[in-house]
C-alpha atoms as a PDB file:
ATOM      1  CA  MET A   1     -16.720  10.784  23.819  1.00  0.00           C
ATOM      2  CA  ILE A   2     -15.359  11.610  20.322  1.00  0.00           C
ATOM      3  CA  GLU A   3     -12.858  14.030  21.807  1.00  0.00           C
ATOM      4  CA  ILE A   4     -11.542  11.398  24.192  1.00  0.00           C
ATOM      5  CA  ALA A   5     -11.018   9.071  21.246  1.00  0.00           C
ATOM      6  CA  GLY A   6      -9.248  11.826  19.380  1.00  0.00           C
ATOM      7  CA  MET A   7      -7.026  12.547  22.323  1.00  0.00           C
ATOM      8  CA  ALA A   8      -6.238   8.871  22.705  1.00  0.00           C
ATOM      9  CA  CYS A   9      -5.304   8.724  18.882  1.00  0.00           C
ATOM     10  CA  ILE A  10      -3.052  11.654  19.359  1.00  0.00           C
ATOM     11  CA  ALA A  11      -1.421  10.229  22.421  1.00  0.00           C
ATOM     12  CA  ILE A  12      -0.851   6.984  20.573  1.00  0.00           C
ATOM     13  CA  GLY A  13       0.643   8.838  17.634  1.00  0.00           C
ATOM     14  CA  LEU A  14       2.969  10.732  19.735  1.00  0.00           C
ATOM     15  CA  LEU A  15       4.169   7.522  21.419  1.00  0.00           C
ATOM     16  CA  PHE A  16       4.866   5.981  18.024  1.00  0.00           C
ATOM     17  CA  ASP A  17       6.703   9.081  16.817  1.00  0.00           C
ATOM     18  CA  LEU A  18       8.775   9.013  19.897  1.00  0.00           C
ATOM     19  CA  LEU A  19       9.641   5.398  19.297  1.00  0.00           C
ATOM     20  CA  GLY A  20      10.543   6.200  15.711  1.00  0.00           C
ATOM     21  CA  CYS A  21      12.884   8.869  16.965  1.00  0.00           C
ATOM     22  CA  ILE A  22      14.494   6.583  19.411  1.00  0.00           C
ATOM     23  CA  GLY A  23      14.881   4.098  16.601  1.00  0.00           C
ATOM     24  CA  LEU A  24      16.777   6.619  14.495  1.00  0.00           C
ATOM     25  CA  VAL A  25      19.288   7.067  17.235  1.00  0.00           C
ATOM     26  CA  ARG A  26      19.565   3.477  18.385  1.00  0.00           C
ATOM     27  CA  MET A  27      19.692   1.523  15.086  1.00  0.00           C
ATOM     28  CA  PRO A  28      23.120   0.623  13.755  1.00  0.00           C
ATOM     29  CA  ASP A  29      22.884   1.362  10.056  1.00  0.00           C
ATOM     30  CA  ILE A  30      20.874   3.403   7.556  1.00  0.00           C
ATOM     31  CA  TYR A  31      18.725   0.377   6.546  1.00  0.00           C
ATOM     32  CA  ASN A  32      17.561  -0.358  10.065  1.00  0.00           C
ATOM     33  CA  ARG A  33      17.052   3.427  10.710  1.00  0.00           C
ATOM     34  CA  LEU A  34      14.815   3.700   7.670  1.00  0.00           C
ATOM     35  CA  GLN A  35      12.725   0.748   8.725  1.00  0.00           C
ATOM     36  CA  ALA A  36      12.296   2.023  12.224  1.00  0.00           C
ATOM     37  CA  ALA A  37      11.543   5.538  11.205  1.00  0.00           C
ATOM     38  CA  THR A  38       9.167   4.651   8.346  1.00  0.00           C
ATOM     39  CA  LYS A  39       6.989   2.337  10.226  1.00  0.00           C
ATOM     40  CA  CYS A  40       6.737   4.135  13.502  1.00  0.00           C
ATOM     41  CA  VAL A  41       6.617   7.645  12.119  1.00  0.00           C
ATOM     42  CA  THR A  42       3.994   6.809   9.463  1.00  0.00           C
ATOM     43  CA  PHE A  43       1.695   5.169  11.860  1.00  0.00           C
ATOM     44  CA  GLY A  44       2.273   7.887  14.532  1.00  0.00           C
ATOM     45  CA  THR A  45       1.761  10.748  12.079  1.00  0.00           C
ATOM     46  CA  CYS A  46      -1.332   9.141  10.647  1.00  0.00           C
ATOM     47  CA  SER A  47      -2.714   8.534  14.059  1.00  0.00           C
ATOM     48  CA  ILE A  48      -2.140  12.129  15.010  1.00  0.00           C
ATOM     49  CA  MET A  49      -3.880  13.287  12.026  1.00  0.00           C
ATOM     50  CA  PHE A  50      -6.844  10.973  12.534  1.00  0.00           C
ATOM     51  CA  GLY A  51      -7.037  12.220  16.096  1.00  0.00           C
ATOM     52  CA  THR A  52      -7.237  15.751  14.802  1.00  0.00           C
ATOM     53  CA  PHE A  53      -9.945  14.733  12.383  1.00  0.00           C
ATOM     54  CA  LEU A  54     -11.920  13.200  15.079  1.00  0.00           C
ATOM     55  CA  MET A  55     -11.656  16.280  17.194  1.00  0.00           C
ATOM     56  CA  VAL A  56     -12.507  18.847  14.585  1.00  0.00           C
ATOM     57  CA  GLY A  57     -14.888  16.820  12.363  1.00  0.00           C
ATOM     58  CA  PHE A  58     -15.603  17.541   8.699  1.00  0.00           C
ATOM     59  CA  SER A  59     -14.322  21.080   8.731  1.00  0.00           C
ATOM     60  CA  SER A  60     -11.530  22.345   6.462  1.00  0.00           C
ATOM     61  CA  THR A  61      -9.075  21.296   9.022  1.00  0.00           C
ATOM     62  CA  GLY A  62     -10.517  17.845   9.253  1.00  0.00           C
ATOM     63  CA  VAL A  63     -10.496  17.260   5.558  1.00  0.00           C
ATOM     64  CA  LYS A  64      -6.882  18.481   5.359  1.00  0.00           C
ATOM     65  CA  ALA A  65      -5.985  16.045   8.019  1.00  0.00           C
ATOM     66  CA  LEU A  66      -7.615  13.189   6.097  1.00  0.00           C
ATOM     67  CA  LEU A  67      -5.730  14.243   2.986  1.00  0.00           C
ATOM     68  CA  CYS A  68      -2.434  14.282   4.918  1.00  0.00           C
ATOM     69  CA  ILE A  69      -3.104  10.778   6.142  1.00  0.00           C
ATOM     70  CA  VAL A  70      -3.481   9.589   2.575  1.00  0.00           C
ATOM     71  CA  PHE A  71      -0.405  11.503   1.440  1.00  0.00           C
ATOM     72  CA  VAL A  72       1.829  10.326   4.307  1.00  0.00           C
ATOM     73  CA  ALA A  73       0.543   6.616   3.980  1.00  0.00           C
ATOM     74  CA  LEU A  74       1.503   6.700   0.181  1.00  0.00           C
ATOM     75  CA  THR A  75       4.658   8.571   0.104  1.00  0.00           C
ATOM     76  CA  ALA A  76       6.670   7.520   3.187  1.00  0.00           C
ATOM     77  CA  PRO A  77       7.173   3.847   2.354  1.00  0.00           C
ATOM     78  CA  VAL A  78       8.004   4.684  -1.278  1.00  0.00           C
ATOM     79  CA  SER A  79      10.522   7.297  -0.313  1.00  0.00           C
ATOM     80  CA  ALA A  80      12.091   4.972   2.374  1.00  0.00           C
ATOM     81  CA  HIS A  81      12.435   2.242  -0.350  1.00  0.00           C
ATOM     82  CA  ALA A  82      13.982   4.680  -2.784  1.00  0.00           C
ATOM     83  CA  LEU A  83      16.448   5.911  -0.127  1.00  0.00           C
ATOM     84  CA  SER A  84      17.482   2.365   0.922  1.00  0.00           C
ATOM     85  CA  ARG A  85      17.946   1.285  -2.672  1.00  0.00           C
ATOM     86  CA  ALA A  86      19.994   4.361  -3.440  1.00  0.00           C
ATOM     87  CA  ALA A  87      22.126   3.666  -0.307  1.00  0.00           C
ATOM     88  CA  HIS A  88      22.626   0.082  -1.402  1.00  0.00           C
ATOM     89  CA  LYS A  89      23.536   0.955  -4.929  1.00  0.00           C
ATOM     90  CA  SER A  90      26.003   3.602  -3.747  1.00  0.00           C
ATOM     91  CA  GLY A  91      27.911   1.017  -1.760  1.00  0.00           C
ATOM     92  CA  ILE A  92      26.877   1.761   1.862  1.00  0.00           C
ATOM     93  CA  LYS A  93      27.515  -1.358   3.728  1.00  0.00           C
ATOM     94  CA  LEU A  94      25.033  -3.201   5.870  1.00  0.00           C
ATOM     95  CA  TRP A  95      25.639  -3.658   9.614  1.00  0.00           C
ATOM     96  CA  ASP A  96      28.328  -6.285  10.438  1.00  0.00           C
ATOM     97  CA  LYS A  97      25.772  -8.541  12.071  1.00  0.00           C
ATOM     98  CA  SER A  98      23.222  -8.394   9.283  1.00  0.00           C
ATOM     99  CA  VAL A  99      22.242 -11.870   8.358  1.00  0.00           C
ATOM    100  CA  ILE A 100      20.995 -11.603   4.735  1.00  0.00           C
ATOM    101  CA  ASP A 101      21.167  -9.206   1.813  1.00  0.00           C
ATOM    102  CA  LYS A 102      18.227  -9.967  -0.435  1.00  0.00           C
ATOM    103  CA  TYR A 103      19.031  -7.070  -2.848  1.00  0.00           C
ATOM    104  CA  ARG A 104      22.561  -8.447  -3.474  1.00  0.00           C
ATOM    105  CA  GLU A 105      20.980 -11.885  -4.091  1.00  0.00           C
ATOM    106  CA  ASP A 106      18.365 -10.557  -6.612  1.00  0.00           C
ATOM    107  CA  TYR A 107      20.867  -8.266  -8.386  1.00  0.00           C
ATOM    108  CA  PRO A 108      24.337  -9.719  -8.200  1.00  0.00           C
ATOM    109  CA  ASN A 109      25.848  -7.314 -10.850  1.00  0.00           C
ATOM    110  CA  GLU A 110      25.069  -4.234  -9.099  1.00  0.00           C
END
């Protein structure tokens, strides 16, 4: 039963990773691409790692999978935020149909 749950988590993770990759190709600018990739790929990768943990248990591989979940969950959103802020500060324009630019409103001099 645990192995079936592990396979289901891995399948869900692969689906989310695939959707994140499609989002990288389909989204119009760097900001939308970062949002699509970060949310989908973070959840997908964590789900794959959790499925791996369910299948192997508390072995060395399982503990490493849990540590990877923590690492990815902490670093992926922070790195996406840093990349988008750096892109905005360097002058990369938003998509023409973007409605609002909160960063420009909060920091008008930058």
